[in-house]
């Protein structure tokens, strides 16, 4: 193994974070409440253009509370995309509800509206839909929202990967009934670990905050009428988020520049296609991914192995949830067409998983780092 470690997407810190953290220590606000928490909620809500926010311990917690707020209960059906990280789906099972996995479409790799319509035909009693903006690329929200409204079913936007992305001028996470963001260490901005729920309905975020602080009733003594959770963000973590938020647009521009650099670097290799971007939106390009043409003799594993030999981190595409052992009992809905109305053997999500992987997308990569990454990939194709 040679050279320094080049990461997939590591945190990029600046300095303002330390100022907010120091203030928290100096004023002894080190609990899961305080001025940084309140300010981070307001500043994040203002940035994305929504009325209300609740700062939480993770994006997963935000999805869990969104389901609780929408009344999802044991046995209820929830439609979720199959091509995502398991954190999208796990909270459905926390509530002993039943996930139904929806295939992707080729244009954005996100939830296929055609497959979603098919799912509603099969399961008209579904209680909620979760859509994901995969790798920062907005889904086809107009079509998905229209279908949800037709069936009067609420939509949760899992914008964990897409903070800063917009769809037709609106920020992802603000278009459905409830939106969630993640500030995990590898996201476009980080609080080391943390998340946020947002909504234009104040009762939703108020209930999220109530449930996230152990659901303590308004009484002098400790009284509880609901099961609560320890899901609130700490004032220290929120200080990190406030400092990071100041640089979100800068991070987004750098992520987009990486995508364009890879696009240009591989333009002469016909077997390579980068992850598609939605023409109706502006993606934050959180991770740049690529797929390899089926006829190519090169495989994603060969490229990832070559990168690893150079101490360069990459990552497979998310393995579809309907292929995961833990979710094997649940249904999977796909249109299974090739674009010409003809049936195919492999779903879109399976095809992307089998032919794709995530390129190193760290905004701290130097020109020398990018040259090494690009040359390593090109050599796999004999270039």
Protein backbone atom coordinates (compact mmCIF):
# COMPACT_ATOMS: atom_id res chain seq x y z
CA UNK A 1 0.00 0.00 0.00
CA UNK A 2 1.43 3.36 -1.03
CA UNK A 3 1.07 7.04 -0.25
CA UNK A 4 -1.11 8.97 2.16
CA UNK A 5 -4.69 7.92 2.83
CA UNK A 6 -7.21 9.51 0.44
CA UNK A 7 -10.70 9.32 1.93
CA UNK A 8 -14.08 8.87 0.32
CA UNK A 9 -15.59 11.92 2.04
CA UNK A 10 -14.09 13.02 5.33
CA UNK A 11 -15.12 16.05 7.45
CA UNK A 12 -13.82 19.45 6.38
CA UNK A 13 -13.48 21.76 9.37
CA UNK A 14 -12.78 25.48 9.30
CA UNK A 15 -12.45 27.21 12.67
CA UNK A 16 -15.78 28.83 13.41
CA UNK A 17 -16.90 25.50 14.84
CA UNK A 18 -14.40 25.90 17.70
CA UNK A 19 -15.76 29.36 18.53
CA UNK A 20 -19.29 28.04 19.01
CA UNK A 21 -18.01 25.05 21.01
CA UNK A 22 -15.92 27.33 23.23
CA UNK A 23 -18.96 29.48 23.88
CA UNK A 24 -20.89 26.37 24.95
CA UNK A 25 -18.12 25.40 27.39
CA UNK A 26 -17.64 28.95 28.68
CA UNK A 27 -21.35 29.27 29.48
CA UNK A 28 -21.65 25.64 30.71
CA UNK A 29 -24.29 24.81 28.08
CA UNK A 30 -23.13 21.24 27.43
CA UNK A 31 -26.55 19.58 27.68
CA UNK A 32 -29.05 18.58 24.94
CA UNK A 33 -30.44 22.11 24.96
CA UNK A 34 -29.02 25.60 24.81
CA UNK A 35 -28.39 28.62 22.58
CA UNK A 36 -26.51 26.67 19.88
CA UNK A 37 -29.35 24.17 19.50
CA UNK A 38 -31.95 26.91 19.13
CA UNK A 39 -29.78 28.93 16.76
CA UNK A 40 -28.83 25.91 14.62
CA UNK A 41 -32.50 25.03 14.17
CA UNK A 42 -33.32 28.57 13.07
CA UNK A 43 -30.28 28.97 10.83
CA UNK A 44 -30.83 25.62 9.10
CA UNK A 45 -34.55 26.34 8.63
CA UNK A 46 -33.75 29.77 7.21
CA UNK A 47 -31.18 28.28 4.84
CA UNK A 48 -33.57 25.73 3.34
CA UNK A 49 -36.55 28.09 3.47
CA UNK A 50 -38.87 26.29 5.87
CA UNK A 51 -40.67 27.42 9.00
CA UNK A 52 -39.73 24.92 11.70
CA UNK A 53 -36.92 22.51 12.64
CA UNK A 54 -36.01 20.12 15.44
CA UNK A 55 -32.34 19.26 16.05
CA UNK A 56 -31.85 15.57 16.80
CA UNK A 57 -29.12 13.04 17.48
CA UNK A 58 -29.14 11.53 13.96
CA UNK A 59 -30.94 11.43 10.65
CA UNK A 60 -32.18 7.97 11.60
CA UNK A 61 -33.79 9.40 14.73
CA UNK A 62 -35.44 12.04 12.56
CA UNK A 63 -36.98 9.39 10.30
CA UNK A 64 -38.12 7.41 13.32
CA UNK A 65 -39.85 10.42 14.87
CA UNK A 66 -41.37 11.38 11.51
CA UNK A 67 -43.02 7.96 11.37
CA UNK A 68 -44.21 8.32 14.97
CA UNK A 69 -45.66 11.76 14.26
CA UNK A 70 -47.53 10.44 11.20
CA UNK A 71 -49.06 7.69 13.34
CA UNK A 72 -47.29 4.73 11.73
CA UNK A 73 -48.08 1.67 13.83
CA UNK A 74 -47.65 -2.10 13.88
CA UNK A 75 -48.67 -3.70 10.60
CA UNK A 76 -48.90 -0.44 8.64
CA UNK A 77 -47.39 -0.41 5.16
CA UNK A 78 -44.71 2.14 4.25
CA UNK A 79 -43.26 2.50 0.75
CA UNK A 80 -39.49 3.04 0.73
CA UNK A 81 -36.89 3.05 -2.07
CA UNK A 82 -34.83 -0.09 -2.34
CA UNK A 83 -31.66 1.73 -3.44
CA UNK A 84 -30.68 3.46 -0.22
CA UNK A 85 -28.81 3.01 3.04
CA UNK A 86 -30.55 0.80 5.59
CA UNK A 87 -31.10 3.77 7.93
CA UNK A 88 -33.98 4.83 5.67
CA UNK A 89 -35.79 1.56 6.30
CA UNK A 90 -34.78 0.49 9.81
CA UNK A 91 -37.12 2.95 11.60
CA UNK A 92 -40.09 1.43 9.75
CA UNK A 93 -39.26 -1.87 11.41
CA UNK A 94 -38.67 -0.16 14.77
CA UNK A 95 -42.40 0.55 14.75
CA UNK A 96 -43.19 -3.01 13.60
CA UNK A 97 -44.57 -1.56 10.39
CA UNK A 98 -44.04 -3.25 7.02
CA UNK A 99 -41.68 -1.77 4.43
CA UNK A 100 -42.47 -2.31 0.75
CA UNK A 101 -39.44 -1.64 -1.43
CA UNK A 102 -39.79 0.43 -4.62
CA UNK A 103 -37.37 0.13 -7.53
CA UNK A 104 -35.32 2.99 -9.00
CA UNK A 105 -35.60 4.73 -12.35
CA UNK A 106 -32.59 5.25 -14.63
CA UNK A 107 -32.77 9.05 -14.92
CA UNK A 108 -31.78 9.80 -11.30
CA UNK A 109 -31.43 6.36 -9.62
CA UNK A 110 -34.19 7.45 -7.23
CA UNK A 111 -37.66 6.02 -6.56
CA UNK A 112 -39.43 5.19 -9.83
CA UNK A 113 -42.83 6.96 -10.06
CA UNK A 114 -44.10 4.16 -12.34
CA UNK A 115 -43.18 1.53 -9.77
CA UNK A 116 -44.72 3.71 -7.05
CA UNK A 117 -48.04 3.79 -8.95
CA UNK A 118 -47.87 0.04 -9.33
CA UNK A 119 -47.24 -0.29 -5.58
CA UNK A 120 -50.34 1.80 -4.79
CA UNK A 121 -52.41 -0.45 -7.05
CA UNK A 122 -51.23 -3.49 -5.11
CA UNK A 123 -51.30 -1.87 -1.66
CA UNK A 124 -53.91 0.94 -1.61
CA UNK A 125 -53.92 1.04 2.22
CA UNK A 126 -50.31 2.20 2.54
CA UNK A 127 -49.85 4.78 5.31
CA UNK A 128 -46.73 6.72 4.21
CA UNK A 129 -44.07 7.06 1.51
CA UNK A 130 -40.38 7.79 2.13
CA UNK A 131 -38.40 9.18 -0.81
CA UNK A 132 -34.59 9.45 -0.82
CA UNK A 133 -32.46 11.91 -2.82
CA UNK A 134 -29.68 9.46 -3.53
CA UNK A 135 -26.09 10.71 -3.39
CA UNK A 136 -27.47 14.27 -3.37
CA UNK A 137 -29.50 14.07 -6.60
CA UNK A 138 -33.15 15.16 -6.25
CA UNK A 139 -35.81 12.58 -7.05
CA UNK A 140 -38.67 13.20 -9.50
CA UNK A 141 -40.67 15.00 -6.84
CA UNK A 142 -43.45 16.43 -9.00
CA UNK A 143 -44.54 12.96 -10.09
CA UNK A 144 -44.04 11.39 -6.68
CA UNK A 145 -45.89 14.21 -4.89
CA UNK A 146 -48.77 13.98 -7.37
CA UNK A 147 -49.17 10.25 -6.72
CA UNK A 148 -49.05 10.74 -2.94
CA UNK A 149 -51.64 13.52 -3.10
CA UNK A 150 -53.94 11.40 -5.26
CA UNK A 151 -53.92 8.75 -2.54
CA UNK A 152 -53.81 11.24 0.37
CA UNK A 153 -50.68 9.64 1.75
CA UNK A 154 -47.98 11.74 3.48
CA UNK A 155 -44.48 11.97 2.03
CA UNK A 156 -41.29 11.95 4.12
CA UNK A 157 -38.22 13.28 2.32
CA UNK A 158 -35.02 11.55 3.36
CA UNK A 159 -32.63 14.34 2.39
CA UNK A 160 -29.80 12.93 4.50
CA UNK A 161 -27.46 13.02 1.50
CA UNK A 162 -28.88 16.08 -0.26
CA UNK A 163 -28.63 19.09 2.04
CA UNK A 164 -28.09 22.06 -0.27
CA UNK A 165 -29.68 20.35 -3.28
CA UNK A 166 -32.72 21.97 -4.86
CA UNK A 167 -35.59 20.77 -7.03
CA UNK A 168 -37.20 23.44 -9.23
CA UNK A 169 -35.82 26.11 -6.92
CA UNK A 170 -36.93 24.52 -3.64
CA UNK A 171 -34.58 22.79 -1.22
CA UNK A 172 -34.90 19.03 -0.94
CA UNK A 173 -36.41 18.18 2.43
CA UNK A 174 -38.90 21.07 2.25
CA UNK A 175 -41.28 19.78 -0.42
CA UNK A 176 -42.89 16.78 1.31
CA UNK A 177 -44.80 16.78 4.57
CA UNK A 178 -41.67 16.19 6.66
CA UNK A 179 -38.00 16.41 5.70
CA UNK A 180 -34.94 15.01 7.42
CA UNK A 181 -31.22 15.80 7.17
CA UNK A 182 -28.12 14.01 8.43
CA UNK A 183 -24.90 15.58 9.71
CA UNK A 184 -22.93 12.34 9.95
CA UNK A 185 -19.16 12.62 9.58
CA UNK A 186 -19.10 12.00 5.83
CA UNK A 187 -21.98 14.33 4.87
CA UNK A 188 -21.59 17.67 3.09
CA UNK A 189 -21.57 19.38 6.49
CA UNK A 190 -21.15 17.51 9.74
CA UNK A 191 -21.76 17.75 13.46
CA UNK A 192 -19.83 14.45 13.85
CA UNK A 193 -23.21 12.83 14.44
CA UNK A 194 -26.58 14.52 14.31
CA UNK A 195 -29.72 15.15 12.31
CA UNK A 196 -32.61 17.54 11.80
CA UNK A 197 -36.31 17.22 11.14
CA UNK A 198 -37.99 20.08 9.28
CA UNK A 199 -41.58 20.90 8.40
CA UNK A 200 -43.87 23.83 7.68
CA UNK A 201 -46.21 22.33 10.27
CA UNK A 202 -45.10 23.55 13.68
CA UNK A 203 -47.01 20.79 15.46
CA UNK A 204 -44.77 18.20 13.76
CA UNK A 205 -41.46 19.66 14.91
CA UNK A 206 -42.84 20.50 18.36
CA UNK A 207 -43.92 16.90 18.80
CA UNK A 208 -40.52 15.70 17.55
CA UNK A 209 -38.75 17.80 20.18
CA UNK A 210 -41.16 16.55 22.86
CA UNK A 211 -40.63 12.88 21.96
CA UNK A 212 -36.86 13.40 21.58
CA UNK A 213 -36.58 14.66 25.19
CA UNK A 214 -38.15 11.58 26.79
CA UNK A 215 -41.73 12.86 26.29
CA UNK A 216 -41.90 14.55 29.66
CA UNK A 217 -45.30 16.08 30.34
CA UNK A 218 -45.73 19.69 31.50
CA UNK A 219 -45.82 18.94 35.20
CA UNK A 220 -43.65 19.87 38.15
CA UNK A 221 -42.94 16.23 38.85
CA UNK A 222 -41.70 13.72 36.29
CA UNK A 223 -44.80 12.53 34.48
CA UNK A 224 -44.98 10.71 31.17
CA UNK A 225 -48.08 9.96 29.08
CA UNK A 226 -46.12 8.81 26.01
CA UNK A 227 -43.04 6.69 25.36
CA UNK A 228 -40.13 9.05 24.74
CA UNK A 229 -36.64 8.85 23.29
CA UNK A 230 -33.22 10.31 24.04
CA UNK A 231 -32.87 11.80 20.57
CA UNK A 232 -32.11 15.49 21.20
CA UNK A 233 -28.97 17.14 19.78
CA UNK A 234 -26.48 18.51 22.31
CA UNK A 235 -25.51 22.17 22.48
CA UNK A 236 -21.87 21.29 21.73
CA UNK A 237 -22.74 19.29 18.61
CA UNK A 238 -25.06 22.06 17.46
CA UNK A 239 -22.15 24.49 17.76
CA UNK A 240 -20.19 22.37 15.28
CA UNK A 241 -23.19 22.47 12.95
CA UNK A 242 -23.48 26.25 13.15
CA UNK A 243 -19.84 26.65 12.15
CA UNK A 244 -20.22 24.14 9.32
CA UNK A 245 -23.40 25.73 7.97
CA UNK A 246 -21.43 28.90 7.24
CA UNK A 247 -19.48 26.88 4.64
CA UNK A 248 -22.26 24.78 3.10
CA UNK A 249 -22.40 26.67 -0.20
CA UNK A 250 -18.60 26.50 -0.43
CA UNK A 251 -18.67 22.73 0.16
CA UNK A 252 -21.42 22.31 -2.43
CA UNK A 253 -19.44 24.21 -5.07
CA UNK A 254 -16.37 22.07 -4.37
CA UNK A 255 -18.38 18.82 -4.58
CA UNK A 256 -19.84 19.91 -7.92
CA UNK A 257 -16.37 20.79 -9.17
CA UNK A 258 -15.19 17.25 -8.31
CA UNK A 259 -18.07 15.77 -10.33
CA UNK A 260 -17.16 17.95 -13.34
CA UNK A 261 -13.49 17.02 -13.02
CA UNK A 262 -14.30 13.31 -13.08
CA UNK A 263 -16.73 13.85 -15.96
CA UNK A 264 -14.02 15.53 -18.03
CA UNK A 265 -11.31 13.04 -17.00
CA UNK A 266 -13.29 10.00 -18.16
CA UNK A 267 -15.04 11.54 -21.16
CA UNK A 268 -12.89 9.52 -23.60
CA UNK A 269 -13.73 6.16 -21.96
CA UNK A 270 -17.11 5.06 -23.37
CA UNK A 271 -17.53 2.29 -20.77
CA UNK A 272 -17.77 4.87 -17.95
CA UNK A 273 -20.94 6.77 -17.04
CA UNK A 274 -21.23 8.98 -13.97
CA UNK A 275 -24.30 8.97 -11.75
CA UNK A 276 -27.10 10.91 -13.49
CA UNK A 277 -28.20 14.34 -12.27
CA UNK A 278 -31.80 15.56 -12.33
CA UNK A 279 -32.20 18.30 -14.95
CA UNK A 280 -35.04 19.79 -12.90
CA UNK A 281 -32.79 20.27 -9.89
CA UNK A 282 -29.40 21.32 -8.64
CA UNK A 283 -27.59 18.44 -6.94
CA UNK A 284 -25.04 18.96 -4.19
CA UNK A 285 -23.01 16.09 -5.73
CA UNK A 286 -22.31 14.69 -2.26
CA UNK A 287 -20.70 11.60 -3.78
CA UNK A 288 -19.68 11.17 -7.40
CA UNK A 289 -20.43 7.63 -8.58
CA UNK A 290 -19.79 5.77 -11.79
CA UNK A 291 -21.17 2.75 -13.60
CA UNK A 292 -19.32 0.54 -16.05
CA UNK A 293 -20.93 -0.63 -19.29
CA UNK A 294 -22.13 -4.27 -19.19
CA UNK A 295 -19.91 -5.22 -22.12
CA UNK A 296 -16.74 -3.96 -20.42
CA UNK A 297 -14.17 -6.48 -19.18
CA UNK A 298 -13.47 -4.17 -16.21
CA UNK A 299 -15.50 -4.59 -13.02
CA UNK A 300 -16.18 -2.19 -10.15
CA UNK A 301 -14.32 -4.50 -7.77
CA UNK A 302 -11.21 -4.39 -9.96
CA UNK A 303 -11.19 -0.59 -9.85
CA UNK A 304 -11.88 -0.44 -6.11
CA UNK A 305 -9.06 -2.95 -5.54
CA UNK A 306 -6.69 -0.84 -7.67
CA UNK A 307 -7.62 2.27 -5.71
CA UNK A 308 -7.16 0.44 -2.41
CA UNK A 309 -3.63 -0.56 -3.45
CA UNK A 310 -2.91 3.17 -3.67
CA UNK A 311 -4.44 3.76 -0.21
CA UNK A 312 -7.48 5.40 -1.79
CA UNK A 313 -10.91 4.82 -0.28
CA UNK A 314 -13.94 4.14 -2.49
CA UNK A 315 -17.27 2.46 -1.80
CA UNK A 316 -19.75 0.14 -3.53
CA UNK A 317 -23.16 1.50 -4.46
CA UNK A 318 -25.73 0.79 -1.73
CA UNK A 319 -26.85 -2.82 -1.95
CA UNK A 320 -30.61 -2.70 -2.63
CA UNK A 321 -32.70 -3.31 0.46
CA UNK A 322 -34.78 -6.06 -1.17
CA UNK A 323 -31.53 -8.06 -1.52
CA UNK A 324 -30.59 -7.64 2.15
CA UNK A 325 -31.04 -10.76 4.32
CA UNK A 326 -32.70 -8.77 7.10
CA UNK A 327 -35.43 -7.52 4.71
CA UNK A 328 -35.87 -10.70 2.66
CA UNK A 329 -39.48 -11.25 3.77
CA UNK A 330 -40.75 -7.92 2.40
CA UNK A 331 -42.18 -7.18 -1.04
CA UNK A 332 -40.33 -5.45 -3.87
CA UNK A 333 -42.13 -3.52 -6.60
CA UNK A 334 -40.47 -2.91 -9.96
CA UNK A 335 -41.60 -2.06 -13.47
CA UNK A 336 -38.68 -4.04 -14.96
CA UNK A 337 -38.64 -2.32 -18.35
CA UNK A 338 -35.77 -1.39 -20.66
CA UNK A 339 -37.23 2.00 -21.57
CA UNK A 340 -39.01 0.62 -24.61
CA UNK A 341 -41.77 -1.09 -22.65
CA UNK A 342 -40.04 -4.46 -22.88
CA UNK A 343 -39.52 -6.54 -19.74
CA UNK A 344 -35.96 -7.21 -18.55
CA UNK A 345 -34.51 -9.69 -16.09
CA UNK A 346 -32.72 -7.24 -13.81
CA UNK A 347 -34.23 -4.32 -11.94
CA UNK A 348 -32.72 -0.84 -12.26
CA UNK A 349 -31.51 -0.87 -8.65
CA UNK A 350 -29.81 -4.25 -9.09
CA UNK A 351 -28.20 -3.10 -12.34
CA UNK A 352 -26.81 0.07 -10.72
CA UNK A 353 -25.53 -1.94 -7.74
CA UNK A 354 -23.85 -4.53 -9.95
CA UNK A 355 -22.16 -2.06 -12.29
CA UNK A 356 -21.41 0.91 -10.04
CA UNK A 357 -19.30 2.28 -7.21
CA UNK A 358 -18.60 5.61 -5.47
CA UNK A 359 -15.48 7.56 -6.37
CA UNK A 360 -13.45 9.44 -3.75
CA UNK A 361 -15.35 12.71 -3.25
CA UNK A 362 -13.43 14.50 -0.52
CA UNK A 363 -13.31 18.26 -1.12
CA UNK A 364 -9.86 18.42 0.49
CA UNK A 365 -8.32 16.34 -2.31
CA UNK A 366 -5.28 18.12 -3.75
CA UNK A 367 -4.55 18.28 -7.50
CA UNK A 368 -1.99 15.53 -6.89
CA UNK A 369 -4.62 13.39 -5.13
CA UNK A 370 -7.05 13.80 -8.02
CA UNK A 371 -4.35 12.99 -10.57
CA UNK A 372 -3.54 9.75 -8.72
CA UNK A 373 -7.22 8.76 -8.44
CA UNK A 374 -7.96 9.49 -12.08
CA UNK A 375 -4.84 7.80 -13.41
CA UNK A 376 -5.51 4.72 -11.30
CA UNK A 377 -9.01 4.39 -12.76
CA UNK A 378 -7.81 5.08 -16.30
CA UNK A 379 -5.12 2.41 -16.06
CA UNK A 380 -7.82 -0.17 -15.32
CA UNK A 381 -9.18 0.58 -18.81
CA UNK A 382 -5.73 0.52 -20.41
CA UNK A 383 -5.59 4.31 -20.76
